[in-house]
Amino acid sequence: MSSLDDSLVSDAIVRYIGEDRSPFPLDEISAVRKAHANEGLELTSMIVQTLVRSEAITPGEVAPSDDGLRERLYEKLRALFPGLSEQAVRAIAWRWGFLNLR
């Protein structure tokens, strides 16, 4: 169990992925460390654990590949990570799409 606040983890994930700052997802730990210098390894570990779990979602789990895929993916991510903000869920989904649908 983490001692980190869900809003801090959410912010760190968005910064790490780089949504709204890049045309493609980043793995930018420096952006996280700059904003949350005192959180260290626990925050980095939470980001990695969250992304590893999200990457385990297969396209078949949110199939079919139609107009509803995005919302099904959001629902899956909300169920896996109920404490994360909507912005973090969108960022993770955006990254997932790049990894699985391109």
N, C-alpha and C. Protein backbone atom coordinates (compact mmCIF):
# COMPACT_ATOMS: atom_id res chain seq x y z
N MET A 1 0.83 -1.19 0.00
CA MET A 1 0.00 0.00 0.00
C MET A 1 0.87 1.24 0.00
N SER A 2 0.51 2.20 -0.80
CA SER A 2 1.30 3.42 -0.94
C SER A 2 0.84 4.50 0.04
N SER A 3 1.80 5.28 0.48
CA SER A 3 1.48 6.42 1.34
C SER A 3 1.24 7.68 0.51
N LEU A 4 1.34 7.57 -0.80
CA LEU A 4 1.18 8.72 -1.69
C LEU A 4 -0.29 9.01 -1.95
N ASP A 5 -0.61 10.26 -2.00
CA ASP A 5 -1.96 10.74 -2.31
C ASP A 5 -2.28 10.45 -3.78
N ASP A 6 -3.54 10.03 -4.03
CA ASP A 6 -3.96 9.72 -5.41
C ASP A 6 -3.82 10.91 -6.34
N SER A 7 -4.05 12.12 -5.85
CA SER A 7 -3.93 13.29 -6.73
C SER A 7 -2.48 13.53 -7.13
N LEU A 8 -1.55 13.24 -6.23
CA LEU A 8 -0.14 13.38 -6.56
C LEU A 8 0.28 12.33 -7.59
N VAL A 9 -0.17 11.10 -7.39
CA VAL A 9 0.14 10.04 -8.34
C VAL A 9 -0.47 10.36 -9.70
N SER A 10 -1.69 10.85 -9.70
CA SER A 10 -2.36 11.23 -10.96
C SER A 10 -1.57 12.30 -11.69
N ASP A 11 -1.17 13.33 -10.97
CA ASP A 11 -0.39 14.40 -11.59
C ASP A 11 0.93 13.87 -12.13
N ALA A 12 1.59 13.02 -11.37
CA ALA A 12 2.87 12.46 -11.81
C ALA A 12 2.73 11.63 -13.07
N ILE A 13 1.66 10.85 -13.16
CA ILE A 13 1.43 10.03 -14.34
C ILE A 13 1.22 10.90 -15.57
N VAL A 14 0.43 11.94 -15.43
CA VAL A 14 0.19 12.86 -16.56
C VAL A 14 1.49 13.50 -17.00
N ARG A 15 2.30 13.96 -16.04
CA ARG A 15 3.59 14.57 -16.37
C ARG A 15 4.51 13.55 -17.05
N TYR A 16 4.55 12.34 -16.53
CA TYR A 16 5.41 11.30 -17.06
C TYR A 16 5.06 10.97 -18.51
N ILE A 17 3.77 10.83 -18.77
CA ILE A 17 3.32 10.47 -20.11
C ILE A 17 3.45 11.64 -21.07
N GLY A 18 3.30 12.86 -20.58
CA GLY A 18 3.49 14.04 -21.41
C GLY A 18 2.29 14.45 -22.24
N GLU A 19 1.10 13.98 -21.86
CA GLU A 19 -0.10 14.36 -22.61
C GLU A 19 -0.23 15.88 -22.64
N ASP A 20 -0.62 16.42 -23.77
CA ASP A 20 -0.76 17.87 -24.01
C ASP A 20 0.58 18.59 -24.17
N ARG A 21 1.70 17.85 -24.09
CA ARG A 21 3.01 18.46 -24.30
C ARG A 21 3.74 17.85 -25.47
N SER A 22 3.24 16.76 -25.98
CA SER A 22 3.94 16.03 -27.03
C SER A 22 2.92 15.38 -27.96
N PRO A 23 3.29 15.20 -29.23
CA PRO A 23 2.37 14.52 -30.15
C PRO A 23 2.32 13.01 -29.93
N PHE A 24 3.20 12.50 -29.08
CA PHE A 24 3.22 11.08 -28.77
C PHE A 24 3.61 10.92 -27.29
N PRO A 25 3.23 9.82 -26.66
CA PRO A 25 3.54 9.63 -25.25
C PRO A 25 5.05 9.59 -24.99
N LEU A 26 5.42 10.14 -23.87
CA LEU A 26 6.80 10.15 -23.43
C LEU A 26 6.95 9.26 -22.21
N ASP A 27 8.15 8.95 -21.84
CA ASP A 27 8.46 8.35 -20.55
C ASP A 27 9.42 9.33 -19.89
N GLU A 28 8.85 10.41 -19.37
CA GLU A 28 9.66 11.55 -18.95
C GLU A 28 9.70 11.68 -17.43
N ILE A 29 10.56 10.88 -16.82
CA ILE A 29 10.68 10.91 -15.37
C ILE A 29 11.22 12.25 -14.89
N SER A 30 11.99 12.94 -15.72
CA SER A 30 12.53 14.24 -15.30
C SER A 30 11.42 15.26 -15.03
N ALA A 31 10.33 15.20 -15.78
CA ALA A 31 9.20 16.10 -15.55
C ALA A 31 8.55 15.82 -14.20
N VAL A 32 8.52 14.56 -13.83
CA VAL A 32 7.95 14.16 -12.53
C VAL A 32 8.87 14.62 -11.41
N ARG A 33 10.14 14.37 -11.55
CA ARG A 33 11.09 14.74 -10.50
C ARG A 33 11.17 16.25 -10.31
N LYS A 34 11.02 16.98 -11.39
CA LYS A 34 11.04 18.44 -11.30
C LYS A 34 9.85 18.94 -10.49
N ALA A 35 8.68 18.37 -10.70
CA ALA A 35 7.46 18.80 -10.01
C ALA A 35 7.33 18.21 -8.61
N HIS A 36 7.88 17.03 -8.41
CA HIS A 36 7.69 16.30 -7.15
C HIS A 36 9.04 15.77 -6.63
N ALA A 37 9.97 16.68 -6.45
CA ALA A 37 11.34 16.31 -6.09
C ALA A 37 11.44 15.54 -4.77
N ASN A 38 10.54 15.75 -3.86
CA ASN A 38 10.65 15.12 -2.54
C ASN A 38 10.03 13.74 -2.46
N GLU A 39 9.41 13.29 -3.53
CA GLU A 39 8.69 12.02 -3.47
C GLU A 39 9.54 10.81 -3.84
N GLY A 40 10.55 11.00 -4.64
CA GLY A 40 11.54 9.98 -4.91
C GLY A 40 11.05 8.67 -5.49
N LEU A 41 11.65 7.60 -4.98
CA LEU A 41 11.47 6.27 -5.56
C LEU A 41 10.06 5.73 -5.41
N GLU A 42 9.36 6.07 -4.35
CA GLU A 42 8.01 5.55 -4.18
C GLU A 42 7.10 6.04 -5.30
N LEU A 43 7.22 7.30 -5.67
CA LEU A 43 6.40 7.83 -6.75
C LEU A 43 6.77 7.20 -8.09
N THR A 44 8.05 7.07 -8.35
CA THR A 44 8.50 6.41 -9.57
C THR A 44 7.97 4.98 -9.63
N SER A 45 8.03 4.30 -8.52
CA SER A 45 7.53 2.93 -8.45
C SER A 45 6.02 2.87 -8.73
N MET A 46 5.27 3.80 -8.19
CA MET A 46 3.81 3.83 -8.42
C MET A 46 3.51 4.06 -9.90
N ILE A 47 4.25 4.94 -10.54
CA ILE A 47 4.05 5.20 -11.97
C ILE A 47 4.31 3.92 -12.75
N VAL A 48 5.43 3.30 -12.50
CA VAL A 48 5.80 2.08 -13.23
C VAL A 48 4.77 0.98 -12.99
N GLN A 49 4.36 0.76 -11.75
CA GLN A 49 3.38 -0.28 -11.44
C GLN A 49 2.06 -0.02 -12.17
N THR A 50 1.63 1.23 -12.19
CA THR A 50 0.39 1.58 -12.85
C THR A 50 0.48 1.33 -14.35
N LEU A 51 1.57 1.74 -14.96
CA LEU A 51 1.71 1.57 -16.40
C LEU A 51 1.89 0.11 -16.79
N VAL A 52 2.58 -0.66 -15.98
CA VAL A 52 2.73 -2.09 -16.26
C VAL A 52 1.35 -2.76 -16.23
N ARG A 53 0.54 -2.42 -15.23
CA ARG A 53 -0.82 -2.99 -15.16
C ARG A 53 -1.67 -2.55 -16.35
N SER A 54 -1.54 -1.29 -16.76
CA SER A 54 -2.35 -0.82 -17.89
C SER A 54 -1.89 -1.46 -19.19
N GLU A 55 -0.60 -1.70 -19.33
CA GLU A 55 -0.08 -2.32 -20.54
C GLU A 55 -0.51 -3.78 -20.67
N ALA A 56 -0.92 -4.39 -19.57
CA ALA A 56 -1.37 -5.78 -19.59
C ALA A 56 -2.78 -5.91 -20.18
N ILE A 57 -3.47 -4.79 -20.33
CA ILE A 57 -4.80 -4.83 -20.95
C ILE A 57 -4.61 -5.16 -22.43
N THR A 58 -5.26 -6.20 -22.88
CA THR A 58 -5.14 -6.58 -24.28
C THR A 58 -6.22 -5.89 -25.11
N PRO A 59 -5.98 -5.67 -26.38
CA PRO A 59 -7.02 -5.09 -27.23
C PRO A 59 -8.33 -5.89 -27.19
N GLY A 60 -8.23 -7.19 -27.04
CA GLY A 60 -9.42 -8.02 -26.96
C GLY A 60 -10.30 -7.73 -25.76
N GLU A 61 -9.70 -7.22 -24.68
CA GLU A 61 -10.47 -6.90 -23.47
C GLU A 61 -11.36 -5.68 -23.65
N VAL A 62 -11.04 -4.85 -24.63
CA VAL A 62 -11.83 -3.64 -24.87
C VAL A 62 -12.41 -3.62 -26.29
N ALA A 63 -12.34 -4.78 -26.95
CA ALA A 63 -12.83 -4.92 -28.32
C ALA A 63 -14.34 -4.73 -28.36
N PRO A 64 -14.89 -4.46 -29.50
CA PRO A 64 -14.24 -4.35 -30.81
C PRO A 64 -13.61 -2.98 -31.01
N SER A 65 -12.84 -2.87 -32.06
CA SER A 65 -12.19 -1.61 -32.39
C SER A 65 -13.17 -0.72 -33.15
N ASP A 66 -14.04 -0.09 -32.39
CA ASP A 66 -15.07 0.77 -32.97
C ASP A 66 -15.12 2.08 -32.20
N ASP A 67 -16.16 2.86 -32.40
CA ASP A 67 -16.28 4.16 -31.74
C ASP A 67 -16.38 4.05 -30.22
N GLY A 68 -16.73 2.90 -29.70
CA GLY A 68 -16.88 2.72 -28.27
C GLY A 68 -15.63 2.22 -27.56
N LEU A 69 -14.58 1.91 -28.31
CA LEU A 69 -13.36 1.36 -27.72
C LEU A 69 -12.79 2.29 -26.65
N ARG A 70 -12.70 3.56 -26.93
CA ARG A 70 -12.10 4.51 -26.00
C ARG A 70 -12.84 4.50 -24.66
N GLU A 71 -14.15 4.55 -24.70
CA GLU A 71 -14.91 4.57 -23.45
C GLU A 71 -14.78 3.24 -22.71
N ARG A 72 -14.73 2.12 -23.43
CA ARG A 72 -14.53 0.83 -22.78
C ARG A 72 -13.16 0.77 -22.11
N LEU A 73 -12.16 1.34 -22.77
CA LEU A 73 -10.82 1.40 -22.18
C LEU A 73 -10.83 2.29 -20.93
N TYR A 74 -11.46 3.44 -21.01
CA TYR A 74 -11.58 4.31 -19.83
C TYR A 74 -12.24 3.56 -18.68
N GLU A 75 -13.30 2.85 -18.96
CA GLU A 75 -14.01 2.10 -17.91
C GLU A 75 -13.09 1.05 -17.29
N LYS A 76 -12.34 0.35 -18.11
CA LYS A 76 -11.41 -0.66 -17.63
C LYS A 76 -10.34 -0.02 -16.73
N LEU A 77 -9.81 1.12 -17.17
CA LEU A 77 -8.79 1.81 -16.39
C LEU A 77 -9.36 2.36 -15.08
N ARG A 78 -10.58 2.90 -15.13
CA ARG A 78 -11.21 3.39 -13.90
C ARG A 78 -11.40 2.26 -12.90
N ALA A 79 -11.74 1.08 -13.39
CA ALA A 79 -11.93 -0.07 -12.50
C ALA A 79 -10.59 -0.52 -11.89
N LEU A 80 -9.54 -0.51 -12.69
CA LEU A 80 -8.22 -0.90 -12.20
C LEU A 80 -7.62 0.12 -11.24
N PHE A 81 -7.87 1.40 -11.52
CA PHE A 81 -7.25 2.50 -10.77
C PHE A 81 -8.30 3.50 -10.31
N PRO A 82 -9.16 3.11 -9.37
CA PRO A 82 -10.28 3.97 -8.99
C PRO A 82 -9.88 5.31 -8.38
N GLY A 83 -8.68 5.43 -7.86
CA GLY A 83 -8.26 6.68 -7.24
C GLY A 83 -7.68 7.71 -8.19
N LEU A 84 -7.40 7.30 -9.42
CA LEU A 84 -6.76 8.22 -10.36
C LEU A 84 -7.76 9.22 -10.93
N SER A 85 -7.26 10.39 -11.25
CA SER A 85 -8.08 11.44 -11.85
C SER A 85 -8.47 11.08 -13.28
N GLU A 86 -9.49 11.75 -13.78
CA GLU A 86 -9.90 11.53 -15.18
C GLU A 86 -8.77 11.91 -16.14
N GLN A 87 -8.02 12.94 -15.80
CA GLN A 87 -6.90 13.34 -16.67
C GLN A 87 -5.85 12.23 -16.71
N ALA A 88 -5.57 11.59 -15.60
CA ALA A 88 -4.61 10.49 -15.58
C ALA A 88 -5.14 9.29 -16.37
N VAL A 89 -6.43 9.00 -16.21
CA VAL A 89 -7.04 7.90 -16.98
C VAL A 89 -6.92 8.18 -18.47
N ARG A 90 -7.22 9.41 -18.89
CA ARG A 90 -7.10 9.76 -20.32
C ARG A 90 -5.66 9.63 -20.81
N ALA A 91 -4.70 10.07 -19.98
CA ALA A 91 -3.29 9.99 -20.37
C ALA A 91 -2.85 8.54 -20.53
N ILE A 92 -3.24 7.70 -19.58
CA ILE A 92 -2.89 6.28 -19.67
C ILE A 92 -3.53 5.65 -20.90
N ALA A 93 -4.78 5.99 -21.17
CA ALA A 93 -5.47 5.45 -22.35
C ALA A 93 -4.79 5.91 -23.63
N TRP A 94 -4.39 7.16 -23.67
CA TRP A 94 -3.68 7.70 -24.84
C TRP A 94 -2.40 6.91 -25.08
N ARG A 95 -1.64 6.68 -24.02
CA ARG A 95 -0.40 5.90 -24.12
C ARG A 95 -0.71 4.47 -24.56
N TRP A 96 -1.74 3.88 -23.96
CA TRP A 96 -2.12 2.51 -24.31
C TRP A 96 -2.44 2.42 -25.81
N GLY A 97 -3.16 3.39 -26.33
CA GLY A 97 -3.50 3.41 -27.75
C GLY A 97 -2.27 3.42 -28.63
N PHE A 98 -1.27 4.22 -28.26
CA PHE A 98 -0.03 4.26 -29.04
C PHE A 98 0.68 2.92 -29.00
N LEU A 99 0.65 2.27 -27.86
CA LEU A 99 1.35 0.98 -27.73
C LEU A 99 0.62 -0.17 -28.41
N ASN A 100 -0.71 -0.07 -28.49
CA ASN A 100 -1.50 -1.22 -28.96
C ASN A 100 -2.22 -1.04 -30.29
N LEU A 101 -2.42 0.17 -30.72
CA LEU A 101 -3.25 0.38 -31.90
C LEU A 101 -2.50 1.04 -33.06
N ARG A 102 -1.25 1.23 -32.95
CA ARG A 102 -0.48 1.85 -34.04
C ARG A 102 0.47 0.86 -34.65
